Amino acid sequence: MTEETTRKTYDKSAQIFSDYFATHGARTVDIEKAIMYLNNKVEISALELGCGDGRDGVGINKSVTNYEGIDYSKGMIAIANKKHPELNCRVANMLNFEYPQDQDIIFAFASLLHLNKDQVKEVINKCSYSLKPGGILAVSLKYRPKYSSDIKVDRAGDRQFFFYTPELILELCGGKYVELYKDFRSKTDTKWFFQILQKK
């Protein structure tokens, strides 16, 4: 399966995903936990990779000075712009996006999981270029003890997911980040981890 197939699924079924996200709300606790590591910085520039319909962007935007969200799905961004016109969300692919410099924090909630480990390494490197020294990268990913991938087929369409470990993410960082925090949580039959990294 190609990345394009997954993107087309999000375009075609954007409303289905948005309705599902609405039952969960923003990841407020994770957002606050990550921002805490900026040590009460007054002005904060934040970038969200894979912002979807703006679900988490709303929570992030409340705690930062400047917010930008990107997503490769035109369908999801159309919903984000309609539901949350106060947010700065636009269509862009994190693999070829022109990352802004001097960011304080970058969030990637359940978005890197559609990328293989070579692509994730590329994105992490781009984030390192984008972040200020001491900047924060906060990610959530599906967990398995060994790197692997699955294709999910349901009424929304086909999507490919890659499973990671916090240790593998650190390895892909290539020594450019230190781990500040991680935890694991389960949702239905899937285990996830949330990891906060700091650029050296």
Protein backbone atom coordinates (compact mmCIF):
# COMPACT_ATOMS: atom_id res chain seq x y z
CA MET A 1 0.00 0.00 0.00
CA THR A 2 1.21 3.51 -0.79
CA GLU A 3 1.08 6.66 1.31
CA GLU A 4 -1.24 8.06 -1.36
CA THR A 5 -3.85 5.37 -0.63
CA THR A 6 -3.92 6.35 3.04
CA ARG A 7 -4.22 10.03 2.17
CA LYS A 8 -7.13 9.36 -0.20
CA THR A 9 -8.91 7.48 2.58
CA TYR A 10 -8.68 10.53 4.85
CA ASP A 11 -9.94 12.75 2.03
CA LYS A 12 -12.86 10.48 1.17
CA SER A 13 -13.90 9.79 4.76
CA ALA A 14 -12.91 13.08 6.41
CA GLN A 15 -16.32 13.56 8.01
CA ILE A 16 -16.33 10.04 9.43
CA PHE A 17 -12.97 10.68 11.08
CA SER A 18 -14.02 14.12 12.33
CA ASP A 19 -17.17 12.70 13.91
CA TYR A 20 -15.06 10.05 15.62
CA PHE A 21 -12.52 12.61 16.88
CA ALA A 22 -15.37 14.71 18.30
CA THR A 23 -16.16 11.93 20.77
CA HIS A 24 -12.65 12.18 22.24
CA GLY A 25 -11.75 15.88 22.39
CA ALA A 26 -8.30 17.42 22.47
CA ARG A 27 -5.35 15.69 24.14
CA THR A 28 -5.27 18.43 26.77
CA VAL A 29 -3.19 16.58 29.36
CA ASP A 30 -0.50 15.64 26.82
CA ILE A 31 -0.44 19.16 25.40
CA GLU A 32 0.00 20.72 28.84
CA LYS A 33 2.63 18.14 29.80
CA ALA A 34 4.73 18.96 26.72
CA ILE A 35 4.40 22.73 27.07
CA MET A 36 5.42 22.46 30.72
CA TYR A 37 8.95 21.60 29.57
CA LEU A 38 9.26 25.05 28.01
CA ASN A 39 9.61 26.39 31.56
CA ASN A 40 6.91 29.08 31.54
CA LYS A 41 8.12 30.64 28.31
CA VAL A 42 5.87 33.64 27.57
CA GLU A 43 5.79 33.58 23.76
CA ILE A 44 5.52 30.13 22.19
CA SER A 45 5.54 29.17 18.51
CA ALA A 46 3.97 25.78 17.87
CA LEU A 47 3.71 23.56 14.81
CA GLU A 48 1.40 20.54 14.59
CA LEU A 49 2.13 17.80 12.07
CA GLY A 50 -1.00 15.96 10.99
CA CYS A 51 -3.50 18.38 12.53
CA GLY A 52 -6.52 16.65 10.99
CA ASP A 53 -9.75 18.50 11.67
CA GLY A 54 -8.16 20.75 14.31
CA ARG A 55 -9.12 18.56 17.26
CA ASP A 56 -5.84 19.08 19.09
CA GLY A 57 -5.07 22.41 17.45
CA VAL A 58 -7.80 24.00 19.54
CA GLY A 59 -6.10 22.85 22.74
CA ILE A 60 -2.63 23.80 21.54
CA ASN A 61 -3.74 27.22 20.31
CA LYS A 62 -5.04 28.13 23.77
CA SER A 63 -1.58 27.69 25.27
CA VAL A 64 0.69 29.25 22.63
CA THR A 65 1.28 32.57 20.91
CA ASN A 66 1.56 31.31 17.35
CA TYR A 67 0.05 28.06 16.06
CA GLU A 68 0.32 26.44 12.65
CA GLY A 69 -1.14 23.08 11.71
CA ILE A 70 -0.53 21.06 8.56
CA ASP A 71 -2.13 17.94 7.17
CA TYR A 72 -1.80 16.19 3.82
CA SER A 73 -5.56 15.59 3.58
CA LYS A 74 -7.51 18.32 1.81
CA GLY A 75 -10.69 16.84 3.25
CA MET A 76 -9.48 17.10 6.84
CA ILE A 77 -8.16 20.64 6.38
CA ALA A 78 -11.47 21.73 4.82
CA ILE A 79 -13.25 20.56 7.97
CA ALA A 80 -10.62 22.17 10.23
CA ASN A 81 -11.01 25.53 8.50
CA LYS A 82 -14.79 25.33 8.74
CA LYS A 83 -14.97 24.15 12.37
CA HIS A 84 -12.08 26.23 13.70
CA PRO A 85 -11.51 29.32 11.52
CA GLU A 86 -9.38 30.82 14.30
CA LEU A 87 -6.71 28.19 13.65
CA ASN A 88 -3.98 28.50 11.04
CA CYS A 89 -4.34 25.12 9.29
CA ARG A 90 -3.30 24.32 5.74
CA VAL A 91 -2.65 21.46 3.36
CA ALA A 92 0.96 20.28 3.35
CA ASN A 93 2.83 16.99 3.47
CA MET A 94 5.25 16.80 6.39
CA LEU A 95 7.79 15.03 4.17
CA ASN A 96 8.25 17.97 1.77
CA PHE A 97 6.89 20.83 3.87
CA GLU A 98 9.11 23.90 4.20
CA TYR A 99 9.53 23.86 7.97
CA PRO A 100 9.62 27.27 9.67
CA GLN A 101 12.63 28.03 11.82
CA ASP A 102 12.71 29.04 15.48
CA GLN A 103 9.81 26.88 16.62
CA ASP A 104 9.50 26.25 20.34
CA ILE A 105 7.43 23.07 20.13
CA ILE A 106 6.26 20.60 17.50
CA PHE A 107 3.41 18.15 18.07
CA ALA A 108 2.84 14.96 16.05
CA PHE A 109 -0.18 13.22 17.55
CA ALA A 110 -0.97 9.92 15.77
CA SER A 111 0.46 11.20 12.48
CA LEU A 112 3.98 9.76 12.18
CA LEU A 113 2.39 6.32 12.44
CA HIS A 114 1.54 6.47 8.73
CA LEU A 115 5.23 6.77 7.86
CA ASN A 116 7.90 4.08 7.70
CA LYS A 117 11.02 4.45 9.83
CA ASP A 118 13.11 6.03 7.07
CA GLN A 119 10.42 8.66 6.56
CA VAL A 120 10.09 9.22 10.31
CA LYS A 121 13.84 9.75 10.54
CA GLU A 122 13.57 12.34 7.77
CA VAL A 123 10.75 14.18 9.57
CA ILE A 124 12.63 14.12 12.88
CA ASN A 125 15.64 15.67 11.14
CA LYS A 126 13.43 18.37 9.63
CA CYS A 127 11.98 19.06 13.08
CA SER A 128 15.49 19.42 14.47
CA TYR A 129 16.19 22.08 11.84
CA SER A 130 12.91 23.81 12.73
CA LEU A 131 13.20 23.80 16.52
CA LYS A 132 15.19 26.22 18.64
CA PRO A 133 17.87 24.69 20.90
CA GLY A 134 15.97 23.23 23.82
CA GLY A 135 12.79 23.03 21.73
CA ILE A 136 10.29 20.23 22.28
CA LEU A 137 9.08 17.46 19.99
CA ALA A 138 6.02 15.62 21.32
CA VAL A 139 4.81 12.48 19.55
CA SER A 140 2.24 9.77 20.04
CA LEU A 141 2.55 6.48 18.18
CA LYS A 142 1.16 2.97 18.13
CA TYR A 143 3.39 0.59 20.07
CA ARG A 144 4.66 -2.90 19.47
CA PRO A 145 7.81 -4.44 20.93
CA LYS A 146 9.16 -4.79 17.39
CA TYR A 147 8.85 -2.38 14.46
CA SER A 148 6.14 -3.62 12.07
CA SER A 149 3.23 -2.48 9.93
CA ASP A 150 -0.42 -3.35 9.37
CA ILE A 151 -3.05 -2.39 6.83
CA LYS A 152 -6.41 -1.54 8.35
CA VAL A 153 -9.53 -1.96 6.23
CA ASP A 154 -12.86 -0.69 7.55
CA ARG A 155 -15.85 1.39 6.43
CA ALA A 156 -13.67 4.52 6.27
CA GLY A 157 -11.22 2.93 3.83
CA ASP A 158 -7.72 1.47 3.76
CA ARG A 159 -4.89 2.88 5.90
CA GLN A 160 -1.38 1.68 6.60
CA PHE A 161 -0.04 1.94 10.13
CA PHE A 162 3.51 1.49 11.39
CA PHE A 163 4.24 0.42 14.96
CA TYR A 164 7.18 1.79 16.93
CA THR A 165 8.92 1.74 20.29
CA PRO A 166 10.25 4.78 22.20
CA GLU A 167 13.71 3.26 21.87
CA LEU A 168 13.45 3.13 18.08
CA ILE A 169 12.28 6.74 17.93
CA LEU A 170 15.32 7.77 19.99
CA GLU A 171 17.55 5.78 17.66
CA LEU A 172 16.03 7.57 14.65
CA CYS A 173 16.79 10.89 16.38
CA GLY A 174 20.47 10.26 15.75
CA GLY A 175 21.61 11.84 19.00
CA LYS A 176 19.93 15.18 18.26
CA TYR A 177 17.38 14.88 21.07
CA VAL A 178 17.11 13.70 24.65
CA GLU A 179 14.05 11.98 26.05
CA LEU A 180 12.29 13.92 28.80
CA TYR A 181 9.17 11.82 29.27
CA LYS A 182 7.30 8.78 28.02
CA ASP A 183 4.27 6.78 29.00
CA PHE A 184 2.20 3.96 27.63
CA ARG A 185 -1.56 3.70 27.36
CA SER A 186 -4.01 1.22 25.87
CA LYS A 187 -7.00 1.99 23.70
CA THR A 188 -9.27 -0.94 22.81
CA ASP A 189 -6.80 -3.59 21.62
CA THR A 190 -4.02 -1.18 20.67
CA LYS A 191 -1.15 0.00 22.84
CA TRP A 192 0.17 3.53 22.37
CA PHE A 193 3.03 5.58 23.74
CA PHE A 194 3.43 9.31 24.23
CA GLN A 195 6.99 10.63 24.14
CA ILE A 196 8.45 14.07 24.78
CA LEU A 197 11.86 14.83 23.29
CA GLN A 198 14.05 17.89 23.63
CA LYS A 199 16.43 19.15 20.97
CA LYS A 200 19.99 19.35 22.24
